[in-house]
Amino acid sequence: MKTSVNASKKPRFFYGYVITFLAILTYCAKSGILLYGAGPLVNELIKSFEWSNTEIGMAFTIKGLVGILSPLVGIAIIKWGPRNVLWYSGIVTTICFGLTAYVTQPWQFVLTYGVGLGIAMIFTQNIGVFTLINNWWEAKRGVMTGIVNGAGGVGQLLFLPLITWLLVIMDFKGAILTMTVILFVIGVLPQFIFIKNTPEQLGLQKDGGIVGVEKAVKPKKYYFSPVDWHVKDAIRSFPLWCIVLSWGASTWAFLTLTVFGFTHLTNQGFSNTFVATAMGAMGIMTIIGSVGAGMLVDRYGPRIILISSKVLLAIGYALFITASSTYTLWMTIIFLGIATGMNTPAVSTMIPSYFGNKNFAAIQGSVIWVLSFVSAASPLVSGWLADKTGSYTAAFTVTLVIILVGVVLAWAAKPPAVPTHYVEKKQPIIGEALPES
C-alpha cells in the first residue's frame, strides 16, 4: 500500500548522485586514457617502431570488430547487473592495456590492444554506464547523461596532455604502465566498492523517491513510450536503425580524428605540444556540448539534439580538412568538441524514450554491433587512404560525406508507432504526464 508523499521524508542526500559521480570517474578515465589517448600512442608507435598506418589501423579495426559481441553485454547486465559487469571487465581492461607496454611487433599490438582491450572495453563503455544512469534517474536523465558524457571531455583535457608529457619524459613502457595504474585507481576500483545497481537496493526510487511512497508525476516535455518494448520488436523498428546508423557516422568521424588527427596536424606543421593542447582543449568544448545537450534534451527532446550534433560535426570536419592556421584550428576544435559532446546524451536518452527503459541494455546491445563494423572499417580505410595518397585529406573528406549521411538519418529517426499487440496503458501524448509502472 502506498502512503502519501508527506508520510515519509525524502533522504537528505540521494545516492543517485554517488552513482553519477562513479559513472563520471569511469567515463573520464576510460575515455581519456583508452580513446583520446590513442593519438599520442599511435604517433609514438609510428615514430619509434616505424610501423605503417595500415599496420596500426589493423589493431583498431580488430578492436572495433570484436564489438559484434555487444549483444552479450546487454544479456550480462540484465543477468548480473552493471556493477559486476563493470568490475570484471575493468580488471581485464587494465591487464590488456598494461600488456601494451611490452609490444615490439605489430601482431603483439593487435593481440593486446586490438583483441584483448577491444573485447574488455565493450563491457566497460556506454551500455553499462548509461544503464546505471537510466536505472537511477528519470526526470533528470538528460542532464545526468550529459554530465557523465561530458566526463569524457574532462578525460581528454586531463589525460591527452598527460600521456603526451609522459611519452616525453619516459620511455614507451614506463608511460603506458603509469597510465595503467591511474586507470585502475580511478576507473575500476571505486566502482566495485560503491556502485549499487538500482535505487531499490537502498529502498529508494528513481530521482530520490522512497519505495512505498507515491511520487508526483511530472509532465514529460517530449515523446516517451507508454510501454516497454520487447527487443525483437525494437530491432524491427526503422527509427532504431536510423538512430544507430547516425550514431555510426559519428563513431566513424570520432575514430578517424582520434587515431590519425594528431599525426595529421603535426604533418601540417603544428608542434606536438600545440596539438596536444588543442586536442585537450577540445575536451572543454565536449563538456560544454554534453552538459548543454543534456539540459536541452530534458526540455526539447533528444531528436533535435541528435540532428544538431551532426550538423555541427559536419561544419567542424569541413574546417578541419582545410585547417592551416591556428585560428582555423581553434574554430575546428570548438565545433568538433561541442558536436562530440552532444551525440551521446541524445542517443542514450533517445533509445529509452522511444522504446522504454526496462530493456534498454538489451535493445542497445542488440544493435550496437553495427558500430563494431564502423569501428573496424574507419581506421583501416582511413589508414589505407593515407598510405595510398600520402596524406590524410582523402580520409577526412570521405568522413565528411559519411557525416552528411548521418544528418539525414538523424532527421529520419522520428518516434515509432507502438505495436498494436501491446496492451497499452495509454496512448502517448507529447507534453502529457504518463503514469509510472
Protein backbone atom coordinates (compact mmCIF):
# COMPACT_ATOMS: atom_id res chain seq x y z
CA MET A 1 0.00 0.00 0.00
CA LYS A 2 1.30 3.42 -0.94
CA THR A 3 1.33 6.26 1.54
CA SER A 4 1.06 9.91 0.71
CA VAL A 5 4.22 11.73 -0.23
CA ASN A 6 4.11 13.66 3.04
CA ALA A 7 4.00 10.50 5.16
CA SER A 8 7.67 9.91 4.81
CA LYS A 9 10.57 12.25 4.33
CA LYS A 10 12.95 12.01 1.44
CA PRO A 11 16.56 11.32 2.36
CA ARG A 12 18.59 14.50 2.62
CA PHE A 13 21.11 13.12 0.15
CA PHE A 14 20.09 10.94 -2.80
CA TYR A 15 22.57 8.14 -3.54
CA GLY A 16 21.94 8.64 -7.25
CA TYR A 17 24.47 11.47 -7.10
CA VAL A 18 27.10 8.98 -5.92
CA ILE A 19 26.19 6.72 -8.83
CA THR A 20 26.53 9.65 -11.22
CA PHE A 21 29.94 10.52 -9.76
CA LEU A 22 31.13 6.91 -10.16
CA ALA A 23 29.88 6.93 -13.75
CA ILE A 24 31.82 10.17 -14.26
CA LEU A 25 35.02 8.56 -12.97
CA THR A 26 34.51 5.54 -15.22
CA TYR A 27 33.85 7.58 -18.33
CA CYS A 28 36.59 10.09 -17.60
CA ALA A 29 39.34 7.52 -17.09
CA LYS A 30 38.41 5.12 -19.85
CA SER A 31 37.58 7.76 -22.45
CA GLY A 32 40.59 9.91 -21.65
CA ILE A 33 43.15 7.10 -21.47
CA LEU A 34 41.82 4.45 -23.85
CA LEU A 35 40.10 6.56 -26.51
CA TYR A 36 41.57 10.05 -26.64
CA GLY A 37 44.97 8.74 -25.57
CA ALA A 38 45.17 6.75 -28.79
CA GLY A 39 46.51 9.78 -30.73
CA PRO A 40 49.83 10.19 -28.89
CA LEU A 41 50.10 6.40 -28.64
CA VAL A 42 49.81 5.96 -32.42
CA ASN A 43 52.19 8.86 -33.03
CA GLU A 44 54.80 7.22 -30.76
CA LEU A 45 54.42 3.81 -32.41
CA ILE A 46 54.85 5.28 -35.89
CA LYS A 47 57.99 7.19 -34.93
CA SER A 48 59.59 4.63 -32.59
CA PHE A 49 58.86 1.40 -34.46
CA GLU A 50 58.29 2.85 -37.96
CA TRP A 51 55.07 0.89 -38.36
CA SER A 52 52.76 1.85 -41.21
CA ASN A 53 49.36 3.46 -40.80
CA THR A 54 47.79 0.28 -42.15
CA GLU A 55 49.52 -1.93 -39.55
CA ILE A 56 48.39 0.30 -36.71
CA GLY A 57 44.95 0.72 -38.25
CA MET A 58 44.56 -3.08 -38.22
CA ALA A 59 44.71 -3.12 -34.40
CA PHE A 60 41.94 -0.52 -34.20
CA THR A 61 39.98 -2.42 -36.82
CA ILE A 62 40.14 -5.62 -34.75
CA LYS A 63 39.36 -3.60 -31.62
CA GLY A 64 36.22 -2.32 -33.29
CA LEU A 65 35.25 -5.61 -34.90
CA VAL A 66 35.09 -7.54 -31.62
CA GLY A 67 32.18 -5.25 -30.77
CA ILE A 68 29.96 -7.75 -32.59
CA LEU A 69 29.89 -9.39 -29.16
CA SER A 70 27.98 -6.37 -27.80
CA PRO A 71 24.64 -8.25 -27.59
CA LEU A 72 26.30 -10.24 -24.82
CA VAL A 73 26.79 -7.01 -22.87
CA GLY A 74 23.05 -6.41 -22.59
CA ILE A 75 22.49 -10.04 -21.57
CA ALA A 76 25.27 -9.85 -18.97
CA ILE A 77 23.95 -6.60 -17.49
CA ILE A 78 20.42 -7.97 -17.18
CA LYS A 79 21.71 -11.19 -15.56
CA TRP A 80 24.48 -9.91 -13.28
CA GLY A 81 23.88 -6.16 -13.07
CA PRO A 82 26.07 -3.28 -14.28
CA ARG A 83 28.25 -3.30 -11.13
CA ASN A 84 29.66 -6.79 -11.70
CA VAL A 85 29.99 -6.26 -15.43
CA LEU A 86 31.92 -3.01 -14.98
CA TRP A 87 34.18 -4.52 -12.30
CA TYR A 88 35.26 -7.72 -14.05
CA SER A 89 35.59 -6.11 -17.46
CA GLY A 90 37.55 -3.28 -15.82
CA ILE A 91 40.07 -5.79 -14.47
CA VAL A 92 40.57 -7.31 -17.93
CA THR A 93 40.81 -3.84 -19.49
CA THR A 94 43.55 -2.85 -17.05
CA ILE A 95 45.56 -6.02 -17.71
CA CYS A 96 45.34 -5.74 -21.50
CA PHE A 97 46.28 -2.06 -21.53
CA GLY A 98 49.24 -2.79 -19.27
CA LEU A 99 50.45 -5.55 -21.61
CA THR A 100 50.53 -2.99 -24.43
CA ALA A 101 53.63 -1.54 -22.76
CA TYR A 102 55.61 -4.63 -23.79
CA VAL A 103 54.78 -4.74 -27.51
CA THR A 104 57.58 -4.63 -30.06
CA GLN A 105 55.82 -6.08 -33.12
CA PRO A 106 52.59 -5.11 -34.89
CA TRP A 107 50.99 -8.53 -34.22
CA GLN A 108 51.57 -8.05 -30.49
CA PHE A 109 49.86 -4.67 -30.59
CA VAL A 110 46.95 -6.23 -32.49
CA LEU A 111 46.64 -9.02 -29.90
CA THR A 112 46.81 -6.89 -26.73
CA TYR A 113 45.29 -3.59 -27.85
CA GLY A 114 43.06 -4.84 -30.63
CA VAL A 115 41.69 -8.17 -29.41
CA GLY A 116 42.11 -8.14 -25.61
CA LEU A 117 41.37 -4.50 -24.93
CA GLY A 118 38.67 -4.44 -27.60
CA ILE A 119 36.69 -7.27 -26.00
CA ALA A 120 37.07 -5.88 -22.50
CA MET A 121 36.07 -2.34 -23.46
CA ILE A 122 32.71 -3.27 -24.99
CA PHE A 123 31.65 -4.26 -21.46
CA THR A 124 33.01 -1.11 -19.80
CA GLN A 125 31.72 1.66 -22.04
CA ASN A 126 28.33 3.13 -22.93
CA ILE A 127 25.85 0.37 -22.17
CA GLY A 128 26.94 -0.36 -18.59
CA VAL A 129 27.49 3.26 -17.58
CA PHE A 130 24.28 4.62 -19.05
CA THR A 131 22.23 1.69 -17.81
CA LEU A 132 23.16 2.90 -14.33
CA ILE A 133 22.04 6.44 -15.17
CA ASN A 134 18.76 5.18 -16.63
CA ASN A 135 18.21 2.99 -13.54
CA TRP A 136 18.66 5.89 -11.10
CA TRP A 137 17.27 8.91 -12.95
CA GLU A 138 14.16 9.82 -14.93
CA ALA A 139 13.25 13.48 -14.56
CA LYS A 140 16.94 14.48 -14.74
CA ARG A 141 18.04 11.70 -17.08
CA GLY A 142 19.14 14.02 -19.87
CA VAL A 143 21.13 16.28 -17.55
CA MET A 144 22.85 13.37 -15.80
CA THR A 145 23.61 11.66 -19.09
CA GLY A 146 25.09 14.90 -20.39
CA ILE A 147 27.23 15.36 -17.28
CA VAL A 148 28.57 11.80 -17.46
CA ASN A 149 29.28 12.07 -21.16
CA GLY A 150 31.00 15.38 -20.50
CA ALA A 151 33.40 13.47 -18.29
CA GLY A 152 34.83 12.05 -21.50
CA GLY A 153 35.82 15.59 -22.37
CA VAL A 154 37.38 16.02 -18.93
CA GLY A 155 39.35 12.85 -19.59
CA GLN A 156 40.52 14.25 -22.90
CA LEU A 157 41.51 17.52 -21.26
CA LEU A 158 43.41 15.79 -18.46
CA PHE A 159 44.90 12.66 -19.96
CA LEU A 160 45.79 13.66 -23.52
CA PRO A 161 48.41 16.22 -22.38
CA LEU A 162 49.46 13.88 -19.55
CA ILE A 163 50.11 10.94 -21.89
CA THR A 164 51.96 13.24 -24.31
CA TRP A 165 54.11 14.54 -21.46
CA LEU A 166 54.82 11.06 -20.09
CA LEU A 167 55.96 9.90 -23.53
CA VAL A 168 58.46 12.78 -23.48
CA ILE A 169 59.94 12.18 -20.02
CA MET A 170 59.66 8.36 -20.04
CA ASP A 171 60.10 5.55 -22.48
CA PHE A 172 57.02 3.95 -24.05
CA LYS A 173 56.85 1.16 -21.46
CA GLY A 174 57.04 3.46 -18.45
CA ALA A 175 54.38 5.82 -19.81
CA ILE A 176 51.89 3.04 -20.51
CA LEU A 177 52.41 1.34 -17.13
CA THR A 178 51.93 4.66 -15.33
CA MET A 179 48.64 5.24 -17.14
CA THR A 180 47.59 1.65 -16.36
CA VAL A 181 47.85 2.31 -12.62
CA ILE A 182 45.86 5.55 -12.99
CA LEU A 183 43.20 3.71 -15.00
CA PHE A 184 42.70 1.11 -12.27
CA VAL A 185 42.65 3.55 -9.35
CA ILE A 186 40.17 5.95 -10.99
CA GLY A 187 38.12 3.85 -13.37
CA VAL A 188 37.85 0.39 -11.79
CA LEU A 189 38.32 0.08 -8.02
CA PRO A 190 35.85 2.74 -6.74
CA GLN A 191 33.10 1.34 -8.94
CA PHE A 192 33.38 -2.11 -7.37
CA ILE A 193 33.19 -0.70 -3.84
CA PHE A 194 30.38 1.84 -4.15
CA ILE A 195 28.09 1.04 -7.11
CA LYS A 196 24.51 -0.07 -6.43
CA ASN A 197 22.65 -1.35 -9.49
CA THR A 198 19.25 0.16 -8.69
CA PRO A 199 17.77 2.60 -6.14
CA GLU A 200 15.50 -0.24 -4.89
CA GLN A 201 18.58 -1.82 -3.30
CA LEU A 202 18.55 1.09 -0.86
CA GLY A 203 14.76 1.32 -0.53
CA LEU A 204 14.60 4.25 -2.93
CA GLN A 205 13.01 5.10 -6.26
CA LYS A 206 14.35 6.99 -9.25
CA ASP A 207 15.12 10.67 -8.66
CA GLY A 208 15.14 10.18 -4.86
CA GLY A 209 11.68 8.90 -4.06
CA ILE A 210 11.07 6.26 -1.38
CA VAL A 211 9.69 2.81 -2.05
CA GLY A 212 6.06 2.68 -0.84
CA VAL A 213 5.64 6.44 -1.11
CA GLU A 214 3.69 7.69 -4.11
CA LYS A 215 5.73 10.04 -6.21
CA ALA A 216 4.33 13.03 -8.08
CA VAL A 217 4.31 12.54 -11.84
CA LYS A 218 5.80 15.43 -13.78
CA PRO A 219 4.67 16.11 -17.33
CA LYS A 220 7.08 14.90 -19.96
CA LYS A 221 8.03 17.61 -22.41
CA TYR A 222 8.76 15.23 -25.29
CA TYR A 223 7.67 11.82 -26.57
CA PHE A 224 8.12 8.90 -24.20
CA SER A 225 6.86 5.40 -25.00
CA PRO A 226 3.92 4.30 -22.82
CA VAL A 227 5.18 0.70 -22.91
CA ASP A 228 8.47 -1.14 -22.61
CA TRP A 229 9.20 -2.65 -26.00
CA HIS A 230 10.49 -6.19 -26.36
CA VAL A 231 13.88 -6.47 -28.02
CA LYS A 232 12.52 -8.34 -31.05
CA ASP A 233 10.00 -5.56 -31.73
CA ALA A 234 12.51 -2.77 -31.22
CA ILE A 235 15.04 -4.18 -33.68
CA ARG A 236 12.32 -4.30 -36.35
CA SER A 237 11.72 -0.60 -35.91
CA PHE A 238 13.02 1.72 -38.66
CA PRO A 239 13.72 4.65 -36.28
CA LEU A 240 16.03 2.48 -34.14
CA TRP A 241 18.24 1.75 -37.15
CA CYS A 242 18.24 5.41 -38.12
CA ILE A 243 19.49 6.25 -34.63
CA VAL A 244 22.18 3.56 -34.69
CA LEU A 245 23.44 4.34 -38.19
CA SER A 246 23.51 8.06 -37.42
CA TRP A 247 25.49 7.17 -34.31
CA GLY A 248 27.74 5.13 -36.59
CA ALA A 249 28.51 8.22 -38.66
CA SER A 250 29.72 10.00 -35.51
CA THR A 251 31.71 6.94 -34.49
CA TRP A 252 33.48 6.86 -37.86
CA ALA A 253 34.30 10.55 -37.53
CA PHE A 254 35.45 10.21 -33.93
CA LEU A 255 37.80 7.29 -34.61
CA THR A 256 39.32 8.81 -37.73
CA LEU A 257 40.02 12.00 -35.82
CA THR A 258 41.27 10.22 -32.69
CA VAL A 259 43.59 7.78 -34.45
CA PHE A 260 45.01 9.99 -37.22
CA GLY A 261 44.11 13.57 -36.32
CA PHE A 262 47.14 14.07 -34.08
CA THR A 263 49.62 12.88 -36.73
CA HIS A 264 47.80 14.82 -39.50
CA LEU A 265 48.14 18.09 -37.62
CA THR A 266 51.81 17.52 -36.82
CA ASN A 267 52.36 16.79 -40.52
CA GLN A 268 50.72 20.15 -41.23
CA GLY A 269 53.49 21.83 -39.25
CA PHE A 270 51.88 22.17 -35.82
CA SER A 271 54.08 21.10 -32.89
CA ASN A 272 53.28 18.05 -30.75
CA THR A 273 52.76 20.26 -27.71
CA PHE A 274 50.39 22.62 -29.52
CA VAL A 275 48.38 19.75 -31.00
CA ALA A 276 48.12 18.05 -27.60
CA THR A 277 46.96 21.35 -26.08
CA ALA A 278 44.42 21.95 -28.84
CA MET A 279 43.06 18.40 -28.76
CA GLY A 280 42.92 18.62 -24.98
CA ALA A 281 41.02 21.89 -25.24
CA MET A 282 38.50 20.08 -27.40
CA GLY A 283 37.63 18.27 -24.20
CA ILE A 284 36.39 21.57 -22.74
CA MET A 285 34.11 22.00 -25.74
CA THR A 286 32.95 18.41 -25.36
CA ILE A 287 31.96 19.11 -21.76
CA ILE A 288 30.05 22.23 -22.80
CA GLY A 289 28.32 20.36 -25.61
CA SER A 290 27.49 17.37 -23.44
CA VAL A 291 26.11 19.21 -20.41
CA GLY A 292 24.30 21.69 -22.61
CA ALA A 293 22.79 18.90 -24.70
CA GLY A 294 21.67 17.09 -21.55
CA MET A 295 19.78 20.16 -20.39
CA LEU A 296 18.26 20.72 -23.81
CA VAL A 297 17.25 17.07 -24.15
CA ASP A 298 15.13 17.34 -20.99
CA ARG A 299 13.43 20.40 -22.46
CA TYR A 300 13.13 19.74 -26.20
CA GLY A 301 13.70 16.01 -26.61
CA PRO A 302 16.67 14.05 -27.98
CA ARG A 303 15.89 14.04 -31.71
CA ILE A 304 16.51 17.72 -32.36
CA ILE A 305 19.73 17.47 -30.35
CA LEU A 306 20.90 14.49 -32.42
CA ILE A 307 20.27 16.37 -35.67
CA SER A 308 22.06 19.46 -34.37
CA SER A 309 25.09 17.43 -33.29
CA LYS A 310 25.51 16.01 -36.80
CA VAL A 311 25.25 19.44 -38.43
CA LEU A 312 27.91 20.90 -36.11
CA LEU A 313 30.12 17.84 -36.68
CA ALA A 314 29.93 18.36 -40.46
CA ILE A 315 30.94 22.01 -40.08
CA GLY A 316 33.81 21.04 -37.79
CA TYR A 317 35.15 18.43 -40.20
CA ALA A 318 34.93 20.81 -43.15
CA LEU A 319 37.06 23.28 -41.19
CA PHE A 320 39.46 20.54 -40.03
CA ILE A 321 40.23 19.47 -43.61
CA THR A 322 41.30 23.00 -44.55
CA ALA A 323 42.90 23.97 -41.22
CA SER A 324 46.26 25.63 -41.90
CA SER A 325 46.34 28.36 -39.25
CA THR A 326 45.94 28.41 -35.51
CA TYR A 327 42.72 30.43 -35.87
CA THR A 328 41.12 27.86 -38.17
CA LEU A 329 42.26 25.04 -35.93
CA TRP A 330 40.73 26.62 -32.84
CA MET A 331 37.44 27.12 -34.69
CA THR A 332 37.60 23.45 -35.68
CA ILE A 333 38.15 22.43 -32.06
CA ILE A 334 35.07 24.39 -30.95
CA PHE A 335 32.73 22.80 -33.48
CA LEU A 336 34.11 19.25 -33.19
CA GLY A 337 34.16 19.37 -29.40
CA ILE A 338 30.60 20.62 -28.99
CA ALA A 339 29.29 18.16 -31.61
CA THR A 340 31.08 15.23 -29.98
CA GLY A 341 29.64 16.13 -26.60
CA MET A 342 26.08 16.39 -27.90
CA ASN A 343 25.88 12.96 -29.53
CA THR A 344 25.82 10.57 -26.57
CA PRO A 345 23.22 12.43 -24.42
CA ALA A 346 20.94 12.43 -27.46
CA VAL A 347 21.36 8.74 -28.32
CA SER A 348 21.38 7.43 -24.74
CA THR A 349 18.09 9.19 -23.95
CA MET A 350 16.52 8.64 -27.36
CA ILE A 351 16.51 4.83 -27.17
CA PRO A 352 14.74 4.58 -23.77
CA SER A 353 12.47 7.45 -24.81
CA TYR A 354 11.33 5.58 -27.92
CA PHE A 355 11.34 2.02 -26.54
CA GLY A 356 11.07 2.25 -22.75
CA ASN A 357 13.68 1.87 -20.03
CA LYS A 358 13.17 -1.75 -18.95
CA ASN A 359 15.00 -3.39 -21.86
CA PHE A 360 17.35 -0.51 -22.68
CA ALA A 361 20.55 -2.52 -22.18
CA ALA A 362 19.32 -5.47 -24.24
CA ILE A 363 17.97 -3.27 -27.06
CA GLN A 364 21.09 -1.16 -27.36
CA GLY A 365 23.28 -4.24 -27.03
CA SER A 366 21.37 -5.93 -29.84
CA VAL A 367 22.08 -3.20 -32.38
CA ILE A 368 25.32 -1.61 -31.24
CA TRP A 369 27.23 -4.33 -33.09
CA VAL A 370 26.76 -2.11 -36.14
CA LEU A 371 29.20 0.29 -34.54
CA SER A 372 31.68 -2.57 -34.41
CA PHE A 373 31.83 -2.76 -38.17
CA VAL A 374 32.06 1.02 -38.34
CA SER A 375 34.85 0.98 -35.74
CA ALA A 376 36.60 -1.77 -37.68
CA ALA A 377 36.31 -0.05 -41.06
CA SER A 378 37.12 3.53 -40.04
CA PRO A 379 40.80 3.22 -39.00
CA LEU A 380 41.54 0.59 -41.65
CA VAL A 381 40.02 2.54 -44.54
CA SER A 382 41.41 5.86 -43.30
CA GLY A 383 44.88 4.35 -42.81
CA TRP A 384 44.79 2.73 -46.24
CA LEU A 385 43.75 6.01 -47.91
CA ALA A 386 46.55 7.84 -46.08
CA ASP A 387 49.15 5.30 -47.24
CA LYS A 388 47.88 5.38 -50.83
CA THR A 389 47.59 9.16 -51.18
CA GLY A 390 50.43 10.22 -48.92
CA SER A 391 48.19 12.45 -46.79
CA TYR A 392 45.11 12.27 -44.60
CA THR A 393 42.99 14.68 -46.67
CA ALA A 394 41.18 11.93 -48.61
CA ALA A 395 40.35 10.05 -45.38
CA PHE A 396 38.87 13.13 -43.74
CA THR A 397 36.92 14.04 -46.91
CA VAL A 398 35.31 10.59 -47.01
CA THR A 399 34.48 11.03 -43.35
CA LEU A 400 32.73 14.34 -44.06
CA VAL A 401 30.47 12.64 -46.62
CA ILE A 402 29.58 9.94 -44.07
CA ILE A 403 28.69 12.64 -41.52
CA LEU A 404 26.31 14.27 -44.01
CA VAL A 405 24.56 10.93 -44.44
CA GLY A 406 24.29 10.85 -40.63
CA VAL A 407 22.45 14.19 -40.70
CA VAL A 408 19.77 12.70 -42.96
CA LEU A 409 19.44 9.58 -40.78
CA ALA A 410 19.06 11.67 -37.61
CA TRP A 411 16.27 13.65 -39.26
CA ALA A 412 14.54 10.39 -40.29
CA ALA A 413 14.61 8.99 -36.72
CA LYS A 414 11.07 10.02 -35.75
CA PRO A 415 9.19 8.39 -32.81
CA PRO A 416 7.94 4.91 -33.77
CA ALA A 417 4.35 3.77 -33.63
CA VAL A 418 3.69 1.42 -30.71
CA PRO A 419 2.97 -2.13 -31.99
CA THR A 420 -0.71 -2.97 -31.80
CA HIS A 421 -0.17 -6.25 -29.95
CA TYR A 422 0.97 -4.43 -26.81
CA VAL A 423 -1.59 -3.84 -24.09
CA GLU A 424 -1.19 -0.10 -23.95
CA LYS A 425 -1.66 1.67 -20.69
CA LYS A 426 -2.35 4.86 -22.55
CA GLN A 427 -1.71 6.29 -25.99
CA PRO A 428 1.32 8.59 -25.69
CA ILE A 429 0.70 12.30 -25.96
CA ILE A 430 3.59 14.70 -26.14
CA GLY A 431 3.58 17.02 -23.16
CA GLU A 432 1.24 14.87 -21.08
CA ALA A 433 2.40 13.00 -17.97
CA LEU A 434 2.44 9.25 -18.34
CA PRO A 435 1.80 7.08 -15.27
CA GLU A 436 4.71 5.10 -13.91
CA SER A 437 4.52 1.36 -13.67
